[in-house]
Amino acid sequence: MIARKTKALFYALAGPAMKLNGALYRKFRAQRSGVVKVQLGPGREHYLDGWINLDANIFTKNCDVWADFRNKLPFPDASVDAFYSHHVLEHLPDTLLLFHFREMFRCLKPGGVFRIGGPNGDEAIRQFGEGDSNWFGDFPDKRESIGGRFSNFILCRGEHLSILTFSWLRELAGNAGFRSLSRCQPVTETNFPNLFDQKAMNNQSESTPDSPPTLSVDGETPC
């Protein structure tokens, strides 16, 4: 993983350019008709054809739009049908989560939907309470104690800036104006299969479907 100091330097230097690029895309290039589906943070391996893929890293990652999610999303009001992000939200500072949800709400059409997946804080807390150290993996570091493995999962060497639980996501979604929020279990299921197709769901396979390390939720704007 890239050191946090290196990332901070990158965002300090590239942040103004990303903000300008996002504003120019929103004004001149953003699609304003037809079905618009946006993936936030495809990473190296999860680029989705038929989607608009946004990422801050244009050097080692695949993206269609270079943008910083800490800024306004580069889309006009009520122009997007669906947002999808998988293991991205936990990398945003806790204090920016409500802003991010409000930005998705602003951009979505009436009846538009979002899908978010991230480290399952609810399940991690439950498994820690039950003393099941085998539930926790060895990424990013190999640790023996359940406390060390729990910290590994939650903090990920400081890469994770927010702990995602269903109640917290429901509060954020409600405060942003979304009508509903549903937990998806197994995580490969969705309430909106017409928008989140099998290509997107393939990103979410889990080795323990009854106790998934990923928390996946669907939300919807009022019609």
Protein backbone atom coordinates (compact mmCIF):
# COMPACT_ATOMS: atom_id res chain seq x y z
CA MET A 1 0.00 0.00 0.00
CA ILE A 2 1.08 3.59 -0.65
CA ALA A 3 2.16 5.45 2.50
CA ARG A 4 -0.37 7.96 3.84
CA LYS A 5 2.22 10.77 3.68
CA THR A 6 2.71 10.08 -0.02
CA LYS A 7 -1.04 10.11 -0.59
CA ALA A 8 -1.41 13.34 1.36
CA LEU A 9 1.27 14.96 -0.79
CA PHE A 10 -0.45 13.74 -3.96
CA TYR A 11 -3.81 15.18 -2.91
CA ALA A 12 -2.18 18.45 -1.85
CA LEU A 13 -0.53 18.84 -5.25
CA ALA A 14 -3.23 17.35 -7.48
CA GLY A 15 -6.30 18.45 -5.50
CA PRO A 16 -6.83 21.79 -7.27
CA ALA A 17 -6.45 20.17 -10.70
CA MET A 18 -8.93 17.43 -9.81
CA LYS A 19 -11.42 20.01 -8.53
CA LEU A 20 -11.12 22.00 -11.76
CA ASN A 21 -11.37 18.86 -13.90
CA GLY A 22 -14.51 17.81 -12.06
CA ALA A 23 -16.11 21.22 -12.52
CA LEU A 24 -15.30 21.28 -16.25
CA TYR A 25 -16.63 17.75 -16.72
CA ARG A 26 -19.85 18.63 -14.89
CA LYS A 27 -20.43 21.72 -17.05
CA PHE A 28 -19.33 20.55 -20.49
CA ARG A 29 -18.97 16.77 -20.74
CA ALA A 30 -21.36 15.09 -18.32
CA GLN A 31 -24.08 12.95 -19.93
CA ARG A 32 -27.50 14.54 -19.49
CA SER A 33 -29.77 11.99 -21.17
CA GLY A 34 -30.24 8.26 -21.27
CA VAL A 35 -29.30 5.87 -18.45
CA VAL A 36 -26.28 7.12 -16.50
CA LYS A 37 -24.53 4.66 -14.16
CA VAL A 38 -21.49 5.74 -12.18
CA GLN A 39 -18.91 3.65 -10.34
CA LEU A 40 -16.97 5.50 -7.65
CA GLY A 41 -13.44 4.11 -7.27
CA PRO A 42 -13.01 1.16 -9.66
CA GLY A 43 -9.40 0.57 -8.59
CA ARG A 44 -7.08 -1.47 -10.78
CA GLU A 45 -9.25 -4.52 -11.33
CA HIS A 46 -12.90 -3.51 -11.20
CA TYR A 47 -13.47 -1.19 -14.15
CA LEU A 48 -17.05 -1.66 -15.37
CA ASP A 49 -17.87 -1.34 -19.06
CA GLY A 50 -21.04 0.64 -19.63
CA TRP A 51 -20.46 2.66 -16.47
CA ILE A 52 -18.73 6.01 -15.91
CA ASN A 53 -15.79 5.11 -13.68
CA LEU A 54 -14.41 7.82 -11.36
CA ASP A 55 -11.10 7.67 -9.51
CA ALA A 56 -8.53 10.04 -8.06
CA ASN A 57 -5.60 7.91 -9.23
CA ILE A 58 -5.00 8.23 -12.97
CA PHE A 59 -1.57 6.62 -12.87
CA THR A 60 -2.20 3.05 -11.66
CA LYS A 61 -5.99 2.80 -11.83
CA ASN A 62 -8.58 2.66 -14.60
CA CYS A 63 -10.93 5.63 -14.74
CA ASP A 64 -13.01 7.68 -17.16
CA VAL A 65 -13.14 10.80 -15.00
CA TRP A 66 -10.34 12.07 -12.75
CA ALA A 67 -12.02 13.34 -9.61
CA ASP A 68 -11.56 13.69 -5.86
CA PHE A 69 -14.58 12.41 -3.92
CA ARG A 70 -13.91 15.00 -1.23
CA ASN A 71 -15.21 17.62 -3.71
CA LYS A 72 -18.58 17.96 -5.42
CA LEU A 73 -19.27 15.02 -7.69
CA PRO A 74 -18.81 15.97 -11.37
CA PHE A 75 -22.44 15.55 -12.43
CA PRO A 76 -25.37 17.96 -12.81
CA ASP A 77 -28.32 17.80 -10.44
CA ALA A 78 -30.74 14.90 -11.03
CA SER A 79 -28.73 13.39 -13.91
CA VAL A 80 -27.55 9.99 -12.59
CA ASP A 81 -29.58 6.78 -12.40
CA ALA A 82 -27.25 4.76 -10.16
CA PHE A 83 -24.10 5.11 -8.07
CA TYR A 84 -22.01 2.09 -7.13
CA SER A 85 -18.98 1.94 -4.83
CA HIS A 86 -17.27 -1.13 -3.43
CA HIS A 87 -14.79 -0.79 -0.56
CA VAL A 88 -14.35 2.94 -1.17
CA LEU A 89 -16.46 4.78 1.41
CA GLU A 90 -14.35 3.66 4.39
CA HIS A 91 -11.38 5.56 2.92
CA LEU A 92 -13.18 8.90 3.28
CA PRO A 93 -12.83 10.83 6.55
CA ASP A 94 -15.77 10.23 8.87
CA THR A 95 -16.59 13.95 8.81
CA LEU A 96 -17.06 13.91 5.01
CA LEU A 97 -19.50 11.02 4.79
CA LEU A 98 -22.66 13.12 5.09
CA PHE A 99 -21.37 15.51 2.42
CA HIS A 100 -20.70 12.51 0.15
CA PHE A 101 -24.20 11.11 0.67
CA ARG A 102 -25.72 14.53 -0.01
CA GLU A 103 -23.70 14.76 -3.23
CA MET A 104 -25.01 11.39 -4.40
CA PHE A 105 -28.54 12.52 -3.52
CA ARG A 106 -28.06 15.78 -5.45
CA CYS A 107 -26.86 13.98 -8.57
CA LEU A 108 -29.41 11.16 -8.59
CA LYS A 109 -32.64 11.39 -10.54
CA PRO A 110 -35.96 10.96 -8.67
CA GLY A 111 -36.13 7.25 -7.96
CA GLY A 112 -32.37 6.94 -8.50
CA VAL A 113 -30.44 4.40 -6.45
CA PHE A 114 -27.05 3.79 -4.91
CA ARG A 115 -25.21 0.69 -3.77
CA ILE A 116 -22.36 0.75 -1.26
CA GLY A 117 -20.15 -2.06 -0.02
CA GLY A 118 -17.44 -1.82 2.62
CA PRO A 119 -15.89 -3.52 5.65
CA ASN A 120 -18.69 -4.93 7.78
CA GLY A 121 -18.28 -3.18 11.12
CA ASP A 122 -21.37 -4.87 12.59
CA GLU A 123 -20.09 -8.35 11.84
CA ALA A 124 -16.53 -7.54 12.94
CA ILE A 125 -17.81 -6.35 16.32
CA ARG A 126 -19.96 -9.46 16.69
CA GLN A 127 -17.14 -11.84 15.81
CA PHE A 128 -14.74 -10.01 18.14
CA GLY A 129 -17.29 -10.30 20.96
CA GLU A 130 -17.63 -14.03 20.31
CA GLY A 131 -13.86 -14.45 20.28
CA ASP A 132 -13.67 -15.89 16.76
CA SER A 133 -10.22 -14.83 15.60
CA ASN A 134 -10.45 -17.08 12.54
CA TRP A 135 -13.10 -14.82 11.01
CA PHE A 136 -10.49 -12.07 10.57
CA GLY A 137 -7.97 -12.38 7.74
CA ASP A 138 -4.27 -11.56 7.57
CA PHE A 139 -4.56 -8.45 5.41
CA PRO A 140 -2.69 -6.17 5.52
CA ASP A 141 -0.55 -7.70 8.31
CA LYS A 142 -0.32 -11.17 9.84
CA ARG A 143 -1.29 -11.00 13.51
CA GLU A 144 -1.96 -13.67 16.12
CA SER A 145 -4.23 -12.04 18.73
CA ILE A 146 -7.90 -11.37 18.08
CA GLY A 147 -7.35 -7.76 19.15
CA GLY A 148 -4.60 -7.34 16.59
CA ARG A 149 -6.66 -9.02 13.89
CA PHE A 150 -9.68 -6.86 14.77
CA SER A 151 -7.54 -3.70 14.51
CA ASN A 152 -6.15 -5.02 11.22
CA PHE A 153 -9.68 -5.31 9.79
CA ILE A 154 -11.04 -2.03 11.12
CA LEU A 155 -8.04 0.26 10.59
CA CYS A 156 -6.05 -1.42 7.78
CA ARG A 157 -2.79 0.37 8.68
CA GLY A 158 -4.68 3.65 8.92
CA GLU A 159 -6.14 3.36 5.41
CA HIS A 160 -9.69 3.13 6.79
CA LEU A 161 -10.93 6.45 8.11
CA SER A 162 -14.53 5.41 8.85
CA ILE A 163 -16.15 2.35 10.45
CA LEU A 164 -19.17 1.26 8.44
CA THR A 165 -22.16 -0.11 10.32
CA PHE A 166 -25.71 -0.44 9.06
CA SER A 167 -27.13 2.00 11.63
CA TRP A 168 -24.52 4.64 10.73
CA LEU A 169 -25.14 4.28 6.99
CA ARG A 170 -28.91 4.43 7.58
CA GLU A 171 -28.50 7.65 9.58
CA LEU A 172 -26.33 9.21 6.88
CA ALA A 173 -28.70 8.18 4.09
CA GLY A 174 -31.73 9.49 5.97
CA ASN A 175 -30.08 12.83 6.76
CA ALA A 176 -29.12 13.20 3.10
CA GLY A 177 -32.76 12.71 2.02
CA PHE A 178 -32.83 9.11 0.81
CA ARG A 179 -36.13 7.32 1.17
CA SER A 180 -34.91 3.88 2.10
CA LEU A 181 -31.83 1.81 2.90
CA SER A 182 -31.72 -1.98 2.72
CA ARG A 183 -29.03 -4.40 3.84
CA CYS A 184 -28.15 -6.93 1.12
CA GLN A 185 -27.36 -10.43 2.33
CA PRO A 186 -25.98 -12.34 0.66
CA VAL A 187 -23.95 -9.42 -0.63
CA THR A 188 -24.37 -10.53 -4.25
CA GLU A 189 -28.09 -9.71 -4.09
CA THR A 190 -29.64 -6.35 -4.91
CA ASN A 191 -33.08 -4.79 -4.89
CA PHE A 192 -32.33 -3.19 -8.27
CA PRO A 193 -31.03 -5.90 -10.64
CA ASN A 194 -32.02 -3.80 -13.66
CA LEU A 195 -29.27 -1.32 -12.73
CA PHE A 196 -26.71 -3.36 -10.80
CA ASP A 197 -26.05 -6.17 -13.24
CA GLN A 198 -24.00 -9.33 -12.80
CA LYS A 199 -20.77 -7.58 -13.77
CA ALA A 200 -21.13 -5.29 -10.77
CA MET A 201 -22.21 -8.11 -8.47
CA ASN A 202 -19.14 -10.15 -9.41
CA ASN A 203 -17.07 -7.62 -7.46
CA GLN A 204 -18.77 -8.78 -4.28
CA SER A 205 -18.17 -12.52 -3.94
CA GLU A 206 -17.66 -13.53 -0.28
CA SER A 207 -15.99 -16.63 1.15
CA THR A 208 -18.34 -16.63 4.16
CA PRO A 209 -21.82 -15.69 2.87
CA ASP A 210 -23.51 -16.34 6.24
CA SER A 211 -21.09 -14.02 8.04
CA PRO A 212 -19.83 -11.66 5.32
CA PRO A 213 -16.84 -9.36 5.88
CA THR A 214 -18.51 -6.90 3.49
CA LEU A 215 -21.56 -4.86 4.42
CA SER A 216 -23.60 -4.09 1.29
CA VAL A 217 -26.55 -1.72 1.21
CA ASP A 218 -28.94 -0.35 -1.42
CA GLY A 219 -30.65 3.04 -1.15
CA GLU A 220 -33.20 4.99 -3.17
CA THR A 221 -34.26 8.61 -3.63
CA PRO A 222 -37.94 9.59 -3.43
CA CYS A 223 -39.73 9.50 -6.79
